[in-house]
Amino acid sequence: MTDQQIIEETTHFVRITLNNAEGGHDWWHINRVHTNAKRIAQTEACNMLVVELAALLHDIADSKFHNGDEEIGPATAGAFLKSIDIDEQTIIHVQQIIRHISFKSGFDKSAFHSIELDIVQDADRLDAIGAIGIARAFSYGGFKGREIYNPEIAPNLNMSKGEYKNSSAPSINHFYEKLLLLKDKMNTASGKKLAELRHAFMEIYLQQFYLECE
């Protein structure tokens, strides 16, 4: 298969697999990450096929929807890629990106790094901030039955990985525990530039939110 055919096959697989996914982690999230990853990749020397495959497959089986299993995503992606005869080196690289892309993976020390991970991670982080990031935060909070806001529950700014994974805090806390931290965690120059406006929008949103709460 050509690279374009591989991407088309992968896109079809992802769209079917995530057909009934939670709104913040559905096909349209994947599509936005894929688009942003390609945009960022234009400014970096990288393996575009790995970037596109990892962007398309990064949430194919998110651990938060599978009892915290952090290997089901890489395994699902690997099985699919093997089924369409992708070479082993590419499969392993894509799996490593899936293992290390998430915010919670930052709690662990890792020896793995690649420019392709940097690119896809930036693209995923962009979709977690700004107007879309706000919508996704409240979508997932509603899915989990969380409060929107509770002034009696302060954000936990020093949580462990376990605390982060098991948190049931109000959705507004998530801004301080993750979303507002992402701008300074961007990897690429273009990713950092794209994050600035989205970050500023979240700050304006929070100002308005608290004004209305008063």
C-alpha atoms as a PDB file:
ATOM      1  CA  MET A   1       0.000   0.000   0.000  1.00  0.00           C
ATOM      2  CA  THR A   2       1.006   3.598  -0.511  1.00  0.00           C
ATOM      3  CA  ASP A   3       1.266   5.897   2.484  1.00  0.00           C
ATOM      4  CA  GLN A   4      -1.997   7.554   1.442  1.00  0.00           C
ATOM      5  CA  GLN A   5      -3.771   4.186   1.340  1.00  0.00           C
ATOM      6  CA  ILE A   6      -2.383   3.351   4.785  1.00  0.00           C
ATOM      7  CA  ILE A   7      -3.768   6.615   6.170  1.00  0.00           C
ATOM      8  CA  GLU A   8      -7.142   5.968   4.541  1.00  0.00           C
ATOM      9  CA  GLU A   9      -7.311   2.437   6.002  1.00  0.00           C
ATOM     10  CA  THR A  10      -6.338   3.751   9.428  1.00  0.00           C
ATOM     11  CA  THR A  11      -8.859   6.576   9.279  1.00  0.00           C
ATOM     12  CA  HIS A  12     -11.626   4.099   8.436  1.00  0.00           C
ATOM     13  CA  PHE A  13     -10.607   1.840  11.332  1.00  0.00           C
ATOM     14  CA  VAL A  14     -10.515   4.707  13.831  1.00  0.00           C
ATOM     15  CA  ARG A  15     -13.859   6.167  12.743  1.00  0.00           C
ATOM     16  CA  ILE A  16     -15.576   2.798  13.159  1.00  0.00           C
ATOM     17  CA  THR A  17     -13.869   2.012  16.472  1.00  0.00           C
ATOM     18  CA  LEU A  18     -14.710   5.380  18.041  1.00  0.00           C
ATOM     19  CA  ASN A  19     -18.219   5.615  16.617  1.00  0.00           C
ATOM     20  CA  ASN A  20     -19.898   5.876  20.053  1.00  0.00           C
ATOM     21  CA  ALA A  21     -17.033   7.414  22.008  1.00  0.00           C
ATOM     22  CA  GLU A  22     -17.421  10.168  24.620  1.00  0.00           C
ATOM     23  CA  GLY A  23     -17.632  13.543  22.892  1.00  0.00           C
ATOM     24  CA  GLY A  24     -14.236  14.782  24.011  1.00  0.00           C
ATOM     25  CA  HIS A  25     -12.455  11.657  22.773  1.00  0.00           C
ATOM     26  CA  ASP A  26     -14.406  10.838  19.618  1.00  0.00           C
ATOM     27  CA  TRP A  27     -13.452  10.797  15.936  1.00  0.00           C
ATOM     28  CA  TRP A  28     -13.630  14.584  15.701  1.00  0.00           C
ATOM     29  CA  HIS A  29     -11.036  14.930  18.447  1.00  0.00           C
ATOM     30  CA  ILE A  30      -8.827  12.555  16.475  1.00  0.00           C
ATOM     31  CA  ASN A  31      -9.456  14.498  13.284  1.00  0.00           C
ATOM     32  CA  ARG A  32      -8.422  17.779  14.904  1.00  0.00           C
ATOM     33  CA  VAL A  33      -5.267  16.240  16.382  1.00  0.00           C
ATOM     34  CA  HIS A  34      -4.423  14.706  12.996  1.00  0.00           C
ATOM     35  CA  THR A  35      -4.874  18.079  11.279  1.00  0.00           C
ATOM     36  CA  ASN A  36      -2.774  19.940  13.845  1.00  0.00           C
ATOM     37  CA  ALA A  37      -0.073  17.268  13.792  1.00  0.00           C
ATOM     38  CA  LYS A  38       0.290  17.601  10.021  1.00  0.00           C
ATOM     39  CA  ARG A  39       0.414  21.385  10.387  1.00  0.00           C
ATOM     40  CA  ILE A  40       3.166  21.262  13.017  1.00  0.00           C
ATOM     41  CA  ALA A  41       5.058  18.562  11.114  1.00  0.00           C
ATOM     42  CA  GLN A  42       5.491  20.920   8.179  1.00  0.00           C
ATOM     43  CA  THR A  43       7.928  22.908  10.331  1.00  0.00           C
ATOM     44  CA  GLU A  44       9.956  19.902  11.552  1.00  0.00           C
ATOM     45  CA  ALA A  45      12.179  17.239   9.987  1.00  0.00           C
ATOM     46  CA  CYS A  46      10.205  14.082  10.757  1.00  0.00           C
ATOM     47  CA  ASN A  47       8.694  10.829   9.537  1.00  0.00           C
ATOM     48  CA  MET A  48       5.283  12.015   8.362  1.00  0.00           C
ATOM     49  CA  LEU A  49       3.790   8.520   8.199  1.00  0.00           C
ATOM     50  CA  VAL A  50       4.644   7.890  11.852  1.00  0.00           C
ATOM     51  CA  VAL A  51       3.225  11.296  12.799  1.00  0.00           C
ATOM     52  CA  GLU A  52      -0.050  10.652  10.988  1.00  0.00           C
ATOM     53  CA  LEU A  53      -0.475   7.089  12.254  1.00  0.00           C
ATOM     54  CA  ALA A  54       0.250   8.090  15.842  1.00  0.00           C
ATOM     55  CA  ALA A  55      -2.125  11.057  15.636  1.00  0.00           C
ATOM     56  CA  LEU A  56      -4.895   8.859  14.263  1.00  0.00           C
ATOM     57  CA  LEU A  57      -4.348   6.020  16.739  1.00  0.00           C
ATOM     58  CA  HIS A  58      -3.313   7.869  19.916  1.00  0.00           C
ATOM     59  CA  ASP A  59      -6.751   7.492  21.562  1.00  0.00           C
ATOM     60  CA  ILE A  60      -7.882   4.278  19.911  1.00  0.00           C
ATOM     61  CA  ALA A  61      -8.310   2.707  23.375  1.00  0.00           C
ATOM     62  CA  ASP A  62      -7.726   5.415  25.991  1.00  0.00           C
ATOM     63  CA  SER A  63      -6.892   3.926  29.385  1.00  0.00           C
ATOM     64  CA  LYS A  64      -9.441   6.159  31.153  1.00  0.00           C
ATOM     65  CA  PHE A  65     -12.203   4.262  29.360  1.00  0.00           C
ATOM     66  CA  HIS A  66     -10.609   0.842  29.952  1.00  0.00           C
ATOM     67  CA  ASN A  67     -10.192   0.583  33.724  1.00  0.00           C
ATOM     68  CA  GLY A  68      -6.857   2.405  33.692  1.00  0.00           C
ATOM     69  CA  ASP A  69      -5.158  -0.157  31.414  1.00  0.00           C
ATOM     70  CA  GLU A  70      -2.289   1.822  29.865  1.00  0.00           C
ATOM     71  CA  GLU A  71      -1.257  -0.967  27.487  1.00  0.00           C
ATOM     72  CA  ILE A  72      -4.584  -1.538  25.740  1.00  0.00           C
ATOM     73  CA  GLY A  73      -4.041   1.483  23.480  1.00  0.00           C
ATOM     74  CA  PRO A  74      -0.607   0.450  22.194  1.00  0.00           C
ATOM     75  CA  ALA A  75      -1.809  -3.163  21.868  1.00  0.00           C
ATOM     76  CA  THR A  76      -4.914  -2.211  19.877  1.00  0.00           C
ATOM     77  CA  ALA A  77      -2.931   0.080  17.604  1.00  0.00           C
ATOM     78  CA  GLY A  78      -0.217  -2.539  17.133  1.00  0.00           C
ATOM     79  CA  ALA A  79      -2.684  -5.277  16.214  1.00  0.00           C
ATOM     80  CA  PHE A  80      -4.330  -3.062  13.624  1.00  0.00           C
ATOM     81  CA  LEU A  81      -1.064  -1.906  12.071  1.00  0.00           C
ATOM     82  CA  LYS A  82       0.175  -5.478  11.901  1.00  0.00           C
ATOM     83  CA  SER A  83      -3.066  -6.490  10.149  1.00  0.00           C
ATOM     84  CA  ILE A  84      -2.301  -4.067   7.310  1.00  0.00           C
ATOM     85  CA  ASP A  85       1.342  -5.177   7.078  1.00  0.00           C
ATOM     86  CA  ILE A  86       3.074  -2.126   8.508  1.00  0.00           C
ATOM     87  CA  ASP A  87       6.754  -2.743   9.245  1.00  0.00           C
ATOM     88  CA  GLU A  88       7.691  -3.592  12.820  1.00  0.00           C
ATOM     89  CA  GLN A  89       9.892  -0.521  13.355  1.00  0.00           C
ATOM     90  CA  THR A  90       7.026   1.810  12.486  1.00  0.00           C
ATOM     91  CA  ILE A  91       4.609  -0.133  14.678  1.00  0.00           C
ATOM     92  CA  ILE A  92       6.937   0.047  17.687  1.00  0.00           C
ATOM     93  CA  HIS A  93       7.475   3.773  17.174  1.00  0.00           C
ATOM     94  CA  VAL A  94       3.731   4.455  16.982  1.00  0.00           C
ATOM     95  CA  GLN A  95       3.134   2.351  20.100  1.00  0.00           C
ATOM     96  CA  GLN A  96       5.814   4.261  22.002  1.00  0.00           C
ATOM     97  CA  ILE A  97       4.195   7.562  21.078  1.00  0.00           C
ATOM     98  CA  ILE A  98       0.827   6.295  22.324  1.00  0.00           C
ATOM     99  CA  ARG A  99       2.435   5.212  25.598  1.00  0.00           C
ATOM    100  CA  HIS A 100       4.070   8.566  26.206  1.00  0.00           C
ATOM    101  CA  ILE A 101       1.716  11.141  24.711  1.00  0.00           C
ATOM    102  CA  SER A 102      -0.637  11.742  27.628  1.00  0.00           C
ATOM    103  CA  PHE A 103      -0.312  14.358  30.354  1.00  0.00           C
ATOM    104  CA  LYS A 104      -0.240  11.643  33.012  1.00  0.00           C
ATOM    105  CA  SER A 105       2.790  10.029  31.347  1.00  0.00           C
ATOM    106  CA  GLY A 106       4.704  13.124  32.432  1.00  0.00           C
ATOM    107  CA  PHE A 107       4.566  11.831  36.006  1.00  0.00           C
ATOM    108  CA  ASP A 108       6.920   9.017  34.968  1.00  0.00           C
ATOM    109  CA  LYS A 109      10.548   9.315  33.926  1.00  0.00           C
ATOM    110  CA  SER A 110      11.091   7.973  30.424  1.00  0.00           C
ATOM    111  CA  ALA A 111      14.067   7.379  28.169  1.00  0.00           C
ATOM    112  CA  PHE A 112      11.904   7.474  25.039  1.00  0.00           C
ATOM    113  CA  HIS A 113      11.905  10.548  22.876  1.00  0.00           C
ATOM    114  CA  SER A 114      11.371  11.366  19.213  1.00  0.00           C
ATOM    115  CA  ILE A 115      10.464  14.440  17.204  1.00  0.00           C
ATOM    116  CA  GLU A 116       7.364  12.561  16.080  1.00  0.00           C
ATOM    117  CA  LEU A 117       6.267  12.225  19.718  1.00  0.00           C
ATOM    118  CA  ASP A 118       6.892  15.941  20.223  1.00  0.00           C
ATOM    119  CA  ILE A 119       4.716  16.807  17.243  1.00  0.00           C
ATOM    120  CA  VAL A 120       1.771  14.548  18.062  1.00  0.00           C
ATOM    121  CA  GLN A 121       1.913  15.455  21.742  1.00  0.00           C
ATOM    122  CA  ASP A 122       1.758  19.143  20.858  1.00  0.00           C
ATOM    123  CA  ALA A 123      -1.188  18.523  18.541  1.00  0.00           C
ATOM    124  CA  ASP A 124      -3.023  16.607  21.258  1.00  0.00           C
ATOM    125  CA  ARG A 125      -2.290  19.305  23.835  1.00  0.00           C
ATOM    126  CA  LEU A 126      -3.623  22.000  21.505  1.00  0.00           C
ATOM    127  CA  ASP A 127      -6.961  20.201  21.465  1.00  0.00           C
ATOM    128  CA  ALA A 128      -6.985  20.231  25.278  1.00  0.00           C
ATOM    129  CA  ILE A 129      -6.823  24.027  25.528  1.00  0.00           C
ATOM    130  CA  GLY A 130      -8.696  27.024  24.132  1.00  0.00           C
ATOM    131  CA  ALA A 131     -12.392  26.953  23.286  1.00  0.00           C
ATOM    132  CA  ILE A 132     -12.310  23.309  22.273  1.00  0.00           C
ATOM    133  CA  GLY A 133     -10.359  22.352  25.384  1.00  0.00           C
ATOM    134  CA  ILE A 134     -12.986  24.033  27.559  1.00  0.00           C
ATOM    135  CA  ALA A 135     -15.775  22.172  25.774  1.00  0.00           C
ATOM    136  CA  ARG A 136     -13.923  18.875  26.129  1.00  0.00           C
ATOM    137  CA  ALA A 137     -13.262  19.420  29.831  1.00  0.00           C
ATOM    138  CA  PHE A 138     -16.948  19.913  30.588  1.00  0.00           C
ATOM    139  CA  SER A 139     -17.990  17.101  28.233  1.00  0.00           C
ATOM    140  CA  TYR A 140     -15.784  14.612  30.064  1.00  0.00           C
ATOM    141  CA  GLY A 141     -16.759  16.021  33.453  1.00  0.00           C
ATOM    142  CA  GLY A 142     -20.420  15.511  32.590  1.00  0.00           C
ATOM    143  CA  PHE A 143     -19.675  12.013  31.321  1.00  0.00           C
ATOM    144  CA  LYS A 144     -18.089  11.225  34.712  1.00  0.00           C
ATOM    145  CA  GLY A 145     -20.864  12.944  36.685  1.00  0.00           C
ATOM    146  CA  ARG A 146     -18.570  15.590  38.135  1.00  0.00           C
ATOM    147  CA  GLU A 147     -19.540  18.971  39.510  1.00  0.00           C
ATOM    148  CA  ILE A 148     -18.848  21.956  37.274  1.00  0.00           C
ATOM    149  CA  TYR A 149     -17.525  24.039  40.158  1.00  0.00           C
ATOM    150  CA  ASN A 150     -17.308  23.763  43.908  1.00  0.00           C
ATOM    151  CA  PRO A 151     -15.450  26.587  45.689  1.00  0.00           C
ATOM    152  CA  GLU A 152     -15.032  24.344  48.720  1.00  0.00           C
ATOM    153  CA  ILE A 153     -12.789  21.943  46.763  1.00  0.00           C
ATOM    154  CA  ALA A 154      -9.430  23.514  45.918  1.00  0.00           C
ATOM    155  CA  PRO A 155      -7.334  22.343  42.950  1.00  0.00           C
ATOM    156  CA  ASN A 156      -4.592  19.876  43.855  1.00  0.00           C
ATOM    157  CA  LEU A 157      -1.436  21.362  42.374  1.00  0.00           C
ATOM    158  CA  ASN A 158       0.898  18.667  43.687  1.00  0.00           C
ATOM    159  CA  MET A 159      -0.935  15.459  42.890  1.00  0.00           C
ATOM    160  CA  SER A 160       0.702  12.143  42.145  1.00  0.00           C
ATOM    161  CA  LYS A 161       0.001  10.140  39.000  1.00  0.00           C
ATOM    162  CA  GLY A 162      -2.399   7.932  40.929  1.00  0.00           C
ATOM    163  CA  GLU A 163      -4.254  10.930  42.320  1.00  0.00           C
ATOM    164  CA  TYR A 164      -4.499  12.440  38.849  1.00  0.00           C
ATOM    165  CA  LYS A 165      -5.868   9.244  37.308  1.00  0.00           C
ATOM    166  CA  ASN A 166      -8.428   8.765  40.072  1.00  0.00           C
ATOM    167  CA  SER A 167      -9.466  12.376  40.548  1.00  0.00           C
ATOM    168  CA  SER A 168     -13.188  13.170  40.725  1.00  0.00           C
ATOM    169  CA  ALA A 169     -12.706  16.897  41.338  1.00  0.00           C
ATOM    170  CA  PRO A 170     -14.960  19.544  39.745  1.00  0.00           C
ATOM    171  CA  SER A 171     -14.248  20.344  36.102  1.00  0.00           C
ATOM    172  CA  ILE A 172     -13.023  23.874  36.866  1.00  0.00           C
ATOM    173  CA  ASN A 173     -10.212  22.376  38.962  1.00  0.00           C
ATOM    174  CA  HIS A 174      -8.965  20.619  35.830  1.00  0.00           C
ATOM    175  CA  PHE A 175      -7.971  23.989  34.386  1.00  0.00           C
ATOM    176  CA  TYR A 176      -5.439  24.493  37.174  1.00  0.00           C
ATOM    177  CA  GLU A 177      -4.360  20.865  37.458  1.00  0.00           C
ATOM    178  CA  LYS A 178      -3.708  20.449  33.719  1.00  0.00           C
ATOM    179  CA  LEU A 179      -5.063  22.811  31.075  1.00  0.00           C
ATOM    180  CA  LEU A 180      -3.337  26.016  32.151  1.00  0.00           C
ATOM    181  CA  LEU A 181      -0.041  24.121  32.475  1.00  0.00           C
ATOM    182  CA  LEU A 182       0.056  22.899  28.884  1.00  0.00           C
ATOM    183  CA  LYS A 183       1.232  26.103  27.181  1.00  0.00           C
ATOM    184  CA  ASP A 184       4.593  25.851  28.930  1.00  0.00           C
ATOM    185  CA  LYS A 185       4.890  22.148  28.159  1.00  0.00           C
ATOM    186  CA  MET A 186       4.692  22.480  24.375  1.00  0.00           C
ATOM    187  CA  ASN A 187       7.645  20.915  22.566  1.00  0.00           C
ATOM    188  CA  THR A 188       7.918  22.609  19.183  1.00  0.00           C
ATOM    189  CA  ALA A 189       8.247  26.276  18.251  1.00  0.00           C
ATOM    190  CA  SER A 190       5.109  26.161  16.113  1.00  0.00           C
ATOM    191  CA  GLY A 191       3.204  24.303  18.827  1.00  0.00           C
ATOM    192  CA  LYS A 192       4.160  26.954  21.369  1.00  0.00           C
ATOM    193  CA  LYS A 193       2.991  29.718  19.065  1.00  0.00           C
ATOM    194  CA  LEU A 194      -0.348  28.029  18.392  1.00  0.00           C
ATOM    195  CA  ALA A 195      -0.883  27.475  22.121  1.00  0.00           C
ATOM    196  CA  GLU A 196      -0.561  31.127  23.111  1.00  0.00           C
ATOM    197  CA  LEU A 197      -3.930  32.352  21.822  1.00  0.00           C
ATOM    198  CA  ARG A 198      -5.766  29.301  23.167  1.00  0.00           C
ATOM    199  CA  HIS A 199      -4.194  29.754  26.591  1.00  0.00           C
ATOM    200  CA  ALA A 200      -5.147  33.432  26.655  1.00  0.00           C
ATOM    201  CA  PHE A 201      -8.737  32.528  25.786  1.00  0.00           C
ATOM    202  CA  MET A 202      -8.946  30.147  28.749  1.00  0.00           C
ATOM    203  CA  GLU A 203      -7.760  32.887  31.085  1.00  0.00           C
ATOM    204  CA  ILE A 204     -10.460  35.235  29.767  1.00  0.00           C
ATOM    205  CA  TYR A 205     -13.050  32.480  30.106  1.00  0.00           C
ATOM    206  CA  LEU A 206     -12.147  31.864  33.743  1.00  0.00           C
ATOM    207  CA  GLN A 207     -12.374  35.576  34.535  1.00  0.00           C
ATOM    208  CA  GLN A 208     -15.893  35.642  33.116  1.00  0.00           C
ATOM    209  CA  PHE A 209     -16.801  32.381  34.858  1.00  0.00           C
ATOM    210  CA  TYR A 210     -15.896  33.722  38.308  1.00  0.00           C
ATOM    211  CA  LEU A 211     -17.559  37.054  37.576  1.00  0.00           C
ATOM    212  CA  GLU A 212     -20.819  35.234  36.871  1.00  0.00           C
ATOM    213  CA  CYS A 213     -20.406  33.022  39.932  1.00  0.00           C
ATOM    214  CA  GLU A 214     -20.327  36.112  42.143  1.00  0.00           C
END
